[in-house]
C-alpha atoms as a PDB file:
ATOM      1  CA  MET A   1     -13.556  -9.185  26.961  1.00  0.00           C
ATOM      2  CA  VAL A   2     -12.029  -7.965  23.756  1.00  0.00           C
ATOM      3  CA  SER A   3     -10.625  -4.459  23.735  1.00  0.00           C
ATOM      4  CA  VAL A   4     -10.683  -2.912  20.323  1.00  0.00           C
ATOM      5  CA  TYR A   5      -7.485  -0.293  19.910  1.00  0.00           C
ATOM      6  CA  MET A   6      -8.336   2.521  17.628  1.00  0.00           C
ATOM      7  CA  ILE A   7      -6.420   5.659  17.196  1.00  0.00           C
ATOM      8  CA  THR A   8      -7.675   8.507  14.821  1.00  0.00           C
ATOM      9  CA  TYR A   9      -6.877  12.024  13.837  1.00  0.00           C
ATOM     10  CA  ASN A  10      -8.895  13.829  10.903  1.00  0.00           C
ATOM     11  CA  HIS A  11     -10.509  10.924   9.869  1.00  0.00           C
ATOM     12  CA  GLU A  12     -14.074  12.556   9.447  1.00  0.00           C
ATOM     13  CA  PRO A  13     -14.759  10.916   6.236  1.00  0.00           C
ATOM     14  CA  TYR A  14     -13.900   7.162   7.621  1.00  0.00           C
ATOM     15  CA  ILE A  15     -14.504   6.956  10.968  1.00  0.00           C
ATOM     16  CA  ALA A  16     -18.023   5.911  11.017  1.00  0.00           C
ATOM     17  CA  GLN A  17     -17.453   3.155   8.777  1.00  0.00           C
ATOM     18  CA  ALA A  18     -14.303   2.110  11.116  1.00  0.00           C
ATOM     19  CA  LEU A  19     -16.788   2.309  14.003  1.00  0.00           C
ATOM     20  CA  GLU A  20     -19.469   0.150  12.061  1.00  0.00           C
ATOM     21  CA  SER A  21     -17.522  -2.489  11.074  1.00  0.00           C
ATOM     22  CA  VAL A  22     -16.413  -3.095  14.707  1.00  0.00           C
ATOM     23  CA  LEU A  23     -20.097  -2.621  15.999  1.00  0.00           C
ATOM     24  CA  GLU A  24     -21.399  -5.445  13.335  1.00  0.00           C
ATOM     25  CA  GLN A  25     -19.132  -7.834  14.712  1.00  0.00           C
ATOM     26  CA  GLN A  26     -21.133 -11.144  15.615  1.00  0.00           C
ATOM     27  CA  THR A  27     -19.548 -12.558  19.158  1.00  0.00           C
ATOM     28  CA  ASP A  28     -20.651 -14.760  22.035  1.00  0.00           C
ATOM     29  CA  PHE A  29     -18.146 -12.521  24.107  1.00  0.00           C
ATOM     30  CA  ASP A  30     -18.357  -8.778  25.159  1.00  0.00           C
ATOM     31  CA  PHE A  31     -15.861  -6.007  23.573  1.00  0.00           C
ATOM     32  CA  GLU A  32     -15.192  -2.533  24.032  1.00  0.00           C
ATOM     33  CA  ILE A  33     -13.825  -0.042  21.518  1.00  0.00           C
ATOM     34  CA  VAL A  34     -11.130   2.176  23.035  1.00  0.00           C
ATOM     35  CA  ILE A  35     -10.492   5.321  20.750  1.00  0.00           C
ATOM     36  CA  GLY A  36      -7.736   7.793  20.971  1.00  0.00           C
ATOM     37  CA  ASP A  37      -8.429  10.826  19.176  1.00  0.00           C
ATOM     38  CA  ASP A  38      -5.641  13.092  18.919  1.00  0.00           C
ATOM     39  CA  CYS A  39      -7.581  16.657  18.833  1.00  0.00           C
ATOM     40  CA  SER A  40      -8.853  16.083  15.574  1.00  0.00           C
ATOM     41  CA  THR A  41      -9.478  19.545  13.820  1.00  0.00           C
ATOM     42  CA  ASP A  42     -12.315  18.365  11.492  1.00  0.00           C
ATOM     43  CA  GLY A  43     -15.460  16.406  12.659  1.00  0.00           C
ATOM     44  CA  THR A  44     -14.234  13.416  13.721  1.00  0.00           C
ATOM     45  CA  THR A  45     -14.559  13.928  17.309  1.00  0.00           C
ATOM     46  CA  GLY A  46     -17.953  14.960  17.011  1.00  0.00           C
ATOM     47  CA  ILE A  47     -18.928  11.785  15.033  1.00  0.00           C
ATOM     48  CA  ILE A  48     -17.215   9.485  17.606  1.00  0.00           C
ATOM     49  CA  ALA A  49     -19.215  11.224  20.435  1.00  0.00           C
ATOM     50  CA  GLU A  50     -22.386  10.539  18.714  1.00  0.00           C
ATOM     51  CA  TYR A  51     -21.472   6.819  18.537  1.00  0.00           C
ATOM     52  CA  GLN A  52     -20.324   6.841  22.087  1.00  0.00           C
ATOM     53  CA  LYS A  53     -23.977   8.328  23.135  1.00  0.00           C
ATOM     54  CA  LYS A  54     -25.618   5.543  21.470  1.00  0.00           C
ATOM     55  CA  HIS A  55     -23.193   2.785  22.548  1.00  0.00           C
ATOM     56  CA  PRO A  56     -22.060   4.059  26.045  1.00  0.00           C
ATOM     57  CA  GLN A  57     -20.959   0.542  27.313  1.00  0.00           C
ATOM     58  CA  LYS A  58     -19.097  -0.011  24.352  1.00  0.00           C
ATOM     59  CA  ILE A  59     -17.283   2.769  23.261  1.00  0.00           C
ATOM     60  CA  HIS A  60     -14.601   4.861  25.388  1.00  0.00           C
ATOM     61  CA  LEU A  61     -13.182   7.876  23.771  1.00  0.00           C
ATOM     62  CA  LEU A  62     -10.151   9.485  24.781  1.00  0.00           C
ATOM     63  CA  THR A  63      -9.885  13.203  23.617  1.00  0.00           C
ATOM     64  CA  SER A  64      -6.969  15.824  24.265  1.00  0.00           C
ATOM     65  CA  ASP A  65      -6.673  19.446  24.275  1.00  0.00           C
ATOM     66  CA  THR A  66      -3.764  19.621  22.169  1.00  0.00           C
ATOM     67  CA  ASN A  67      -2.067  17.269  19.611  1.00  0.00           C
ATOM     68  CA  LEU A  68      -0.013  14.622  21.436  1.00  0.00           C
ATOM     69  CA  GLY A  69       1.385  13.011  18.300  1.00  0.00           C
ATOM     70  CA  ALA A  70       0.886   9.377  17.260  1.00  0.00           C
ATOM     71  CA  LYS A  71       3.269   7.737  19.723  1.00  0.00           C
ATOM     72  CA  GLU A  72       1.745   9.442  23.004  1.00  0.00           C
ATOM     73  CA  ASN A  73      -1.666   8.789  21.687  1.00  0.00           C
ATOM     74  CA  SER A  74      -0.824   5.158  20.800  1.00  0.00           C
ATOM     75  CA  VAL A  75       0.320   4.508  24.408  1.00  0.00           C
ATOM     76  CA  ARG A  76      -2.277   6.346  26.349  1.00  0.00           C
ATOM     77  CA  THR A  77      -4.831   4.410  24.059  1.00  0.00           C
ATOM     78  CA  LEU A  78      -3.015   1.035  24.600  1.00  0.00           C
ATOM     79  CA  LYS A  79      -2.730   1.738  28.335  1.00  0.00           C
ATOM     80  CA  ALA A  80      -6.483   2.044  28.616  1.00  0.00           C
ATOM     81  CA  CYS A  81      -7.667  -1.379  26.995  1.00  0.00           C
ATOM     82  CA  ARG A  82      -8.954  -3.539  29.670  1.00  0.00           C
ATOM     83  CA  GLY A  83      -9.530  -6.711  27.689  1.00  0.00           C
ATOM     84  CA  LYS A  84      -7.927 -10.137  27.914  1.00  0.00           C
ATOM     85  CA  TYR A  85      -7.262  -9.723  24.053  1.00  0.00           C
ATOM     86  CA  ILE A  86      -6.433  -6.399  21.902  1.00  0.00           C
ATOM     87  CA  ALA A  87      -7.521  -6.189  18.716  1.00  0.00           C
ATOM     88  CA  THR A  88      -6.330  -3.199  16.521  1.00  0.00           C
ATOM     89  CA  LEU A  89      -7.917  -1.038  13.921  1.00  0.00           C
ATOM     90  CA  GLU A  90      -6.906   2.416  12.708  1.00  0.00           C
ATOM     91  CA  GLY A  91      -9.786   5.260  11.998  1.00  0.00           C
ATOM     92  CA  ASP A  92      -9.389   5.029   8.239  1.00  0.00           C
ATOM     93  CA  ASP A  93      -9.630   1.319   7.966  1.00  0.00           C
ATOM     94  CA  TYR A  94     -12.533  -1.001   8.502  1.00  0.00           C
ATOM     95  CA  TRP A  95     -13.081  -4.696   9.041  1.00  0.00           C
ATOM     96  CA  THR A  96     -15.141  -6.518   6.241  1.00  0.00           C
ATOM     97  CA  ASP A  97     -15.978  -9.767   7.980  1.00  0.00           C
ATOM     98  CA  PRO A  98     -18.648  -9.481  10.591  1.00  0.00           C
ATOM     99  CA  MET A  99     -17.296 -12.687  12.189  1.00  0.00           C
ATOM    100  CA  LYS A 100     -13.483 -11.538  12.522  1.00  0.00           C
ATOM    101  CA  LEU A 101     -13.342 -11.337  16.236  1.00  0.00           C
ATOM    102  CA  GLN A 102     -15.211 -14.381  16.942  1.00  0.00           C
ATOM    103  CA  LYS A 103     -12.748 -16.617  14.654  1.00  0.00           C
ATOM    104  CA  GLN A 104      -9.639 -15.095  15.696  1.00  0.00           C
ATOM    105  CA  ILE A 105     -10.888 -15.360  19.611  1.00  0.00           C
ATOM    106  CA  ASP A 106     -11.863 -18.806  19.078  1.00  0.00           C
ATOM    107  CA  PHE A 107      -8.250 -19.824  17.522  1.00  0.00           C
ATOM    108  CA  LEU A 108      -6.589 -18.365  20.551  1.00  0.00           C
ATOM    109  CA  GLU A 109      -8.786 -19.886  23.249  1.00  0.00           C
ATOM    110  CA  ARG A 110      -8.261 -23.004  21.725  1.00  0.00           C
ATOM    111  CA  ASN A 111      -4.753 -22.836  21.338  1.00  0.00           C
ATOM    112  CA  PRO A 112      -2.796 -20.882  24.339  1.00  0.00           C
ATOM    113  CA  GLU A 113       0.554 -21.343  23.126  1.00  0.00           C
ATOM    114  CA  PHE A 114      -0.218 -18.610  20.450  1.00  0.00           C
ATOM    115  CA  SER A 115       0.473 -14.921  21.533  1.00  0.00           C
ATOM    116  CA  ALA A 116      -1.478 -13.605  18.683  1.00  0.00           C
ATOM    117  CA  CYS A 117      -3.236 -14.100  15.067  1.00  0.00           C
ATOM    118  CA  PHE A 118      -3.511 -12.126  12.084  1.00  0.00           C
ATOM    119  CA  GLY A 119      -5.021 -12.419   8.677  1.00  0.00           C
ATOM    120  CA  GLY A 120      -5.229 -11.040   4.896  1.00  0.00           C
ATOM    121  CA  TYR A 121      -6.716  -7.830   3.623  1.00  0.00           C
ATOM    122  CA  PHE A 122      -7.372  -5.866   0.628  1.00  0.00           C
ATOM    123  CA  VAL A 123      -6.488  -2.287  -0.242  1.00  0.00           C
ATOM    124  CA  VAL A 124      -8.992   0.425  -1.399  1.00  0.00           C
ATOM    125  CA  ASP A 125      -8.159   3.701  -3.112  1.00  0.00           C
ATOM    126  CA  ALA A 126      -9.909   6.533  -1.656  1.00  0.00           C
ATOM    127  CA  PHE A 127      -8.535   8.553  -4.653  1.00  0.00           C
ATOM    128  CA  ASN A 128     -10.614   6.821  -6.984  1.00  0.00           C
ATOM    129  CA  ASN A 129     -14.167   6.352  -5.164  1.00  0.00           C
ATOM    130  CA  GLY A 130     -13.165   3.582  -2.999  1.00  0.00           C
ATOM    131  CA  GLU A 131     -11.999   1.176  -5.682  1.00  0.00           C
ATOM    132  CA  LYS A 132     -10.522  -2.036  -4.658  1.00  0.00           C
ATOM    133  CA  ILE A 133      -7.197  -2.548  -5.695  1.00  0.00           C
ATOM    134  CA  ASN A 134      -5.738  -6.172  -4.757  1.00  0.00           C
ATOM    135  CA  ASN A 135      -5.710  -8.356  -1.933  1.00  0.00           C
ATOM    136  CA  ILE A 136      -2.756  -8.789   0.329  1.00  0.00           C
ATOM    137  CA  HIS A 137      -2.009 -12.107   1.799  1.00  0.00           C
ATOM    138  CA  PRO A 138       1.139 -11.809   3.744  1.00  0.00           C
ATOM    139  CA  ARG A 139       4.249 -13.508   2.849  1.00  0.00           C
ATOM    140  CA  GLN A 140       4.329 -14.774   6.618  1.00  0.00           C
ATOM    141  CA  ARG A 141       2.871 -18.150   6.572  1.00  0.00           C
ATOM    142  CA  SER A 142       5.131 -19.592   9.564  1.00  0.00           C
ATOM    143  CA  ASP A 143       3.929 -19.728  12.903  1.00  0.00           C
ATOM    144  CA  LYS A 144       7.375 -18.665  14.202  1.00  0.00           C
ATOM    145  CA  VAL A 145       7.297 -15.185  13.166  1.00  0.00           C
ATOM    146  CA  LEU A 146      10.248 -13.455  15.393  1.00  0.00           C
ATOM    147  CA  LYS A 147      13.004 -14.328  12.519  1.00  0.00           C
ATOM    148  CA  ASN A 148      10.705 -12.545   9.618  1.00  0.00           C
ATOM    149  CA  ILE A 149      10.278  -9.429  11.745  1.00  0.00           C
ATOM    150  CA  LEU A 150      13.882  -9.003  12.576  1.00  0.00           C
ATOM    151  CA  GLY A 151      14.235  -9.809   8.674  1.00  0.00           C
ATOM    152  CA  GLY A 152      12.110  -6.682   8.217  1.00  0.00           C
ATOM    153  CA  TYR A 153       8.282  -7.874   8.293  1.00  0.00           C
ATOM    154  CA  THR A 154       5.872  -6.365  10.207  1.00  0.00           C
ATOM    155  CA  ILE A 155       2.291  -7.638  11.188  1.00  0.00           C
ATOM    156  CA  HIS A 156      -0.001  -4.861   9.961  1.00  0.00           C
ATOM    157  CA  PRO A 157      -2.460  -3.906  12.730  1.00  0.00           C
ATOM    158  CA  ARG A 158      -5.661  -3.935  10.870  1.00  0.00           C
ATOM    159  CA  THR A 159      -6.084  -7.588  11.295  1.00  0.00           C
ATOM    160  CA  LEU A 160      -4.096  -8.298  14.402  1.00  0.00           C
ATOM    161  CA  ILE A 161      -5.288  -9.693  17.686  1.00  0.00           C
ATOM    162  CA  PHE A 162      -2.816 -10.392  20.544  1.00  0.00           C
ATOM    163  CA  ARG A 163      -3.006 -11.199  24.205  1.00  0.00           C
ATOM    164  CA  ASN A 164      -3.147  -8.479  26.519  1.00  0.00           C
ATOM    165  CA  HIS A 165      -0.030  -9.189  28.732  1.00  0.00           C
ATOM    166  CA  GLU A 166       0.544  -6.678  31.229  1.00  0.00           C
ATOM    167  CA  SER A 167       4.419  -7.067  31.045  1.00  0.00           C
ATOM    168  CA  LEU A 168       4.068  -6.397  27.125  1.00  0.00           C
ATOM    169  CA  VAL A 169       2.207  -3.366  27.237  1.00  0.00           C
ATOM    170  CA  ARG A 170       4.831  -2.007  30.156  1.00  0.00           C
ATOM    171  CA  SER A 171       7.595  -3.075  27.592  1.00  0.00           C
ATOM    172  CA  PHE A 172       6.296  -1.128  24.700  1.00  0.00           C
ATOM    173  CA  VAL A 173       5.270   1.779  27.031  1.00  0.00           C
ATOM    174  CA  ASN A 174       8.509   1.948  28.622  1.00  0.00           C
ATOM    175  CA  ASP A 175      11.274   0.715  26.056  1.00  0.00           C
ATOM    176  CA  PHE A 176       9.706   1.329  22.602  1.00  0.00           C
ATOM    177  CA  ALA A 177       7.525   4.304  22.839  1.00  0.00           C
ATOM    178  CA  GLU A 178       9.754   6.362  21.097  1.00  0.00           C
ATOM    179  CA  CYS A 179       9.770   4.041  18.115  1.00  0.00           C
ATOM    180  CA  TYR A 180       8.603   5.904  15.035  1.00  0.00           C
ATOM    181  CA  ASN A 181       7.302   2.389  13.750  1.00  0.00           C
ATOM    182  CA  GLY A 182       5.098   1.280  16.862  1.00  0.00           C
ATOM    183  CA  ASP A 183       3.747  -1.480  14.437  1.00  0.00           C
ATOM    184  CA  THR A 184       7.026  -2.925  14.174  1.00  0.00           C
ATOM    185  CA  ALA A 185       7.706  -2.631  17.632  1.00  0.00           C
ATOM    186  CA  ILE A 186       4.454  -4.218  18.933  1.00  0.00           C
ATOM    187  CA  SER A 187       5.009  -7.104  16.392  1.00  0.00           C
ATOM    188  CA  PHE A 188       8.607  -7.949  17.817  1.00  0.00           C
ATOM    189  CA  LEU A 189       7.151  -7.691  21.517  1.00  0.00           C
ATOM    190  CA  ILE A 190       4.290 -10.131  20.631  1.00  0.00           C
ATOM    191  CA  ALA A 191       6.511 -12.385  18.938  1.00  0.00           C
ATOM    192  CA  THR A 192       8.861 -12.848  22.155  1.00  0.00           C
ATOM    193  CA  TYR A 193       5.664 -14.023  24.000  1.00  0.00           C
ATOM    194  CA  GLY A 194       5.031 -17.147  21.612  1.00  0.00           C
ATOM    195  CA  ARG A 195       3.709 -18.268  18.253  1.00  0.00           C
ATOM    196  CA  ILE A 196       1.795 -16.231  15.880  1.00  0.00           C
ATOM    197  CA  LYS A 197      -1.042 -17.523  13.525  1.00  0.00           C
ATOM    198  CA  TYR A 198      -1.477 -16.513  10.218  1.00  0.00           C
ATOM    199  CA  MET A 199      -5.153 -17.287   9.163  1.00  0.00           C
ATOM    200  CA  ASP A 200      -5.600 -17.370   5.317  1.00  0.00           C
ATOM    201  CA  GLN A 201      -8.847 -15.088   5.341  1.00  0.00           C
ATOM    202  CA  LEU A 202      -9.297 -11.516   4.187  1.00  0.00           C
ATOM    203  CA  PHE A 203     -10.674  -9.627   7.407  1.00  0.00           C
ATOM    204  CA  ALA A 204      -9.942  -5.871   6.762  1.00  0.00           C
ATOM    205  CA  ALA A 205      -9.723  -3.357   4.181  1.00  0.00           C
ATOM    206  CA  TYR A 206      -6.619  -0.980   4.199  1.00  0.00           C
ATOM    207  CA  ARG A 207      -7.472   2.879   2.581  1.00  0.00           C
ATOM    208  CA  MET A 208      -5.142   4.501   0.742  1.00  0.00           C
ATOM    209  CA  HIS A 209      -5.887   8.618   0.896  1.00  0.00           C
ATOM    210  CA  GLN A 210      -4.151  11.667   0.795  1.00  0.00           C
ATOM    211  CA  GLY A 211      -4.283  12.079   4.345  1.00  0.00           C
ATOM    212  CA  GLY A 212      -2.730   8.843   5.680  1.00  0.00           C
ATOM    213  CA  VAL A 213       0.251   8.886   7.996  1.00  0.00           C
ATOM    214  CA  TYR A 214       2.346   7.055   5.701  1.00  0.00           C
ATOM    215  CA  SER A 215       1.405   8.296   2.193  1.00  0.00           C
ATOM    216  CA  THR A 216       2.325  11.967   3.126  1.00  0.00           C
ATOM    217  CA  LYS A 217       5.859  11.014   3.965  1.00  0.00           C
ATOM    218  CA  SER A 218       8.773  10.769   1.858  1.00  0.00           C
ATOM    219  CA  VAL A 219      10.462   7.256   1.160  1.00  0.00           C
ATOM    220  CA  GLU A 220      13.665   8.657   2.615  1.00  0.00           C
ATOM    221  CA  TYR A 221      11.681   9.638   5.980  1.00  0.00           C
ATOM    222  CA  HIS A 222      10.483   5.701   6.442  1.00  0.00           C
ATOM    223  CA  TYR A 223      13.779   4.326   6.172  1.00  0.00           C
ATOM    224  CA  ASN A 224      15.337   6.727   8.517  1.00  0.00           C
ATOM    225  CA  ASN A 225      12.588   5.933  11.040  1.00  0.00           C
ATOM    226  CA  LEU A 226      12.742   2.067  10.508  1.00  0.00           C
ATOM    227  CA  ILE A 227      16.428   2.103  11.130  1.00  0.00           C
ATOM    228  CA  ASN A 228      15.520   3.897  14.041  1.00  0.00           C
ATOM    229  CA  THR A 229      12.991   1.577  15.403  1.00  0.00           C
ATOM    230  CA  TYR A 230      15.120  -1.503  14.373  1.00  0.00           C
ATOM    231  CA  THR A 231      17.924  -0.174  16.233  1.00  0.00           C
ATOM    232  CA  THR A 232      16.078   0.048  19.325  1.00  0.00           C
ATOM    233  CA  ILE A 233      14.831  -3.622  18.952  1.00  0.00           C
ATOM    234  CA  PHE A 234      18.554  -4.799  18.734  1.00  0.00           C
ATOM    235  CA  LYS A 235      19.273  -3.502  22.167  1.00  0.00           C
ATOM    236  CA  HIS A 236      16.492  -5.930  23.515  1.00  0.00           C
ATOM    237  CA  LEU A 237      18.295  -8.971  21.651  1.00  0.00           C
ATOM    238  CA  HIS A 238      20.457 -11.622  23.628  1.00  0.00           C
ATOM    239  CA  SER A 239      20.808 -14.145  20.843  1.00  0.00           C
ATOM    240  CA  LYS A 240      23.891 -13.846  18.409  1.00  0.00           C
ATOM    241  CA  SER A 241      21.868 -15.451  15.560  1.00  0.00           C
ATOM    242  CA  ASP A 242      19.025 -12.710  16.115  1.00  0.00           C
ATOM    243  CA  LYS A 243      21.501 -10.137  16.457  1.00  0.00           C
ATOM    244  CA  LYS A 244      22.788 -11.367  12.712  1.00  0.00           C
ATOM    245  CA  VAL A 245      19.589 -11.297  11.008  1.00  0.00           C
ATOM    246  CA  LEU A 246      18.661  -7.754  12.448  1.00  0.00           C
ATOM    247  CA  SER A 247      22.329  -6.333  11.708  1.00  0.00           C
ATOM    248  CA  ARG A 248      21.740  -7.454   8.021  1.00  0.00           C
ATOM    249  CA  THR A 249      18.085  -5.872   7.885  1.00  0.00           C
ATOM    250  CA  ILE A 250      19.390  -2.385   9.248  1.00  0.00           C
ATOM    251  CA  ALA A 251      22.305  -2.636   6.787  1.00  0.00           C
ATOM    252  CA  ASN A 252      19.858  -3.329   3.873  1.00  0.00           C
ATOM    253  CA  PHE A 253      17.850  -0.201   4.877  1.00  0.00           C
ATOM    254  CA  HIS A 254      20.924   2.092   4.732  1.00  0.00           C
ATOM    255  CA  ARG A 255      21.697   0.407   1.426  1.00  0.00           C
ATOM    256  CA  ARG A 256      18.066   1.309   0.151  1.00  0.00           C
ATOM    257  CA  LEU A 257      18.506   4.775   1.623  1.00  0.00           C
ATOM    258  CA  ALA A 258      21.778   5.290  -0.184  1.00  0.00           C
ATOM    259  CA  ILE A 259      20.167   4.320  -3.543  1.00  0.00           C
ATOM    260  CA  ILE A 260      17.414   6.441  -3.452  1.00  0.00           C
ATOM    261  CA  SER A 261      19.450   9.614  -2.048  1.00  0.00           C
ATOM    262  CA  PHE A 262      22.422   8.856  -4.362  1.00  0.00           C
ATOM    263  CA  LYS A 263      24.697  10.015  -1.585  1.00  0.00           C
ATOM    264  CA  GLU A 264      27.689   7.594  -1.549  1.00  0.00           C
ATOM    265  CA  LYS A 265      29.235   9.840   1.265  1.00  0.00           C
ATOM    266  CA  GLN A 266      26.230   9.657   3.470  1.00  0.00           C
ATOM    267  CA  TYR A 267      25.964   5.787   2.989  1.00  0.00           C
ATOM    268  CA  ILE A 268      29.850   5.717   4.044  1.00  0.00           C
ATOM    269  CA  LYS A 269      28.833   7.663   7.060  1.00  0.00           C
ATOM    270  CA  SER A 270      25.839   5.342   7.934  1.00  0.00           C
ATOM    271  CA  ILE A 271      28.170   2.385   7.902  1.00  0.00           C
ATOM    272  CA  ARG A 272      30.737   3.949  10.293  1.00  0.00           C
ATOM    273  CA  ASN A 273      27.824   4.861  12.745  1.00  0.00           C
ATOM    274  CA  LEU A 274      26.615   1.348  12.262  1.00  0.00           C
ATOM    275  CA  LYS A 275      30.223  -0.153  13.161  1.00  0.00           C
ATOM    276  CA  ASN A 276      29.814   2.022  16.471  1.00  0.00           C
ATOM    277  CA  THR A 277      26.111   0.840  17.080  1.00  0.00           C
ATOM    278  CA  PHE A 278      26.818  -2.689  16.595  1.00  0.00           C
ATOM    279  CA  LYS A 279      29.939  -3.829  18.430  1.00  0.00           C
ATOM    280  CA  TYR A 280      29.410  -7.507  18.267  1.00  0.00           C
ATOM    281  CA  ASN A 281      31.248  -9.696  15.794  1.00  0.00           C
ATOM    282  CA  MET A 282      31.597  -6.912  13.066  1.00  0.00           C
ATOM    283  CA  ILE A 283      33.709  -9.294  10.780  1.00  0.00           C
ATOM    284  CA  THR A 284      30.122 -11.240  10.214  1.00  0.00           C
ATOM    285  CA  PHE A 285      28.399  -8.106   9.939  1.00  0.00           C
ATOM    286  CA  PHE A 286      30.615  -6.822   7.040  1.00  0.00           C
ATOM    287  CA  LYS A 287      30.587 -10.074   5.203  1.00  0.00           C
ATOM    288  CA  THR A 288      26.747  -9.872   5.313  1.00  0.00           C
ATOM    289  CA  LEU A 289      27.282  -6.029   4.297  1.00  0.00           C
ATOM    290  CA  ARG A 290      29.195  -6.950   1.191  1.00  0.00           C
ATOM    291  CA  GLU A 291      26.446  -9.199   0.039  1.00  0.00           C
ATOM    292  CA  LEU A 292      24.065  -6.511  -0.175  1.00  0.00           C
ATOM    293  CA  ILE A 293      26.183  -3.793  -1.979  1.00  0.00           C
END
């Protein structure tokens, strides 16, 4: 069985399309949809409840009386997934290929050395009547993704399917739940379990809209939280070469943050903080840093 992991909050205009795109999947295996609704204040919960009445065996709705926040909602939804595989989709996106699940599961069943697979997607603009903007074919084409993730690459969740390793979920819940960017943390953990296949097909649509989590935050906010996420990942690395790659990535995020904020003193303070955080081979680190400045 496959569990479709879906988190949602105030997605009333979009949630039906997301659910329909999953229910339309043509598969020779069972799948469930596990939805974590984070106390939506619009009509999202009611729409999901109606779908649940029609498909009680497929749709499992997790509700809450208070707003849990994205991290806690993600953790409880992930823990509720029972399938051998987990496919991810957020409530404001949707799948575009009714054979998506079948194609990806067929690949993973034939290739047990792969821990996950993902594909391309296109962007639609909700500000302009859902107009299609462009196709996104991720730059990651190699099956060995870990170095790319440590270099700042994140596998976007709308096309991702990964094996539901109990230890992977436990690691995420125990060690990475506080990370702002859960997608990056999950990408890292999956990459430590095996190769990841990029399938050169368009599987989904990413919707840009005013209520989106990312579209409502400043660039500075994102960089600060990415630094937090990658710092957490750093603590779980053992290879010096991996640490070198990730140090470069974190330094680059600090550099971008400094350029955006035009606060040179803040940049210097950030570098001093880095020196205290990353105590291995600082000569190599600062040589790398000089290349970025």
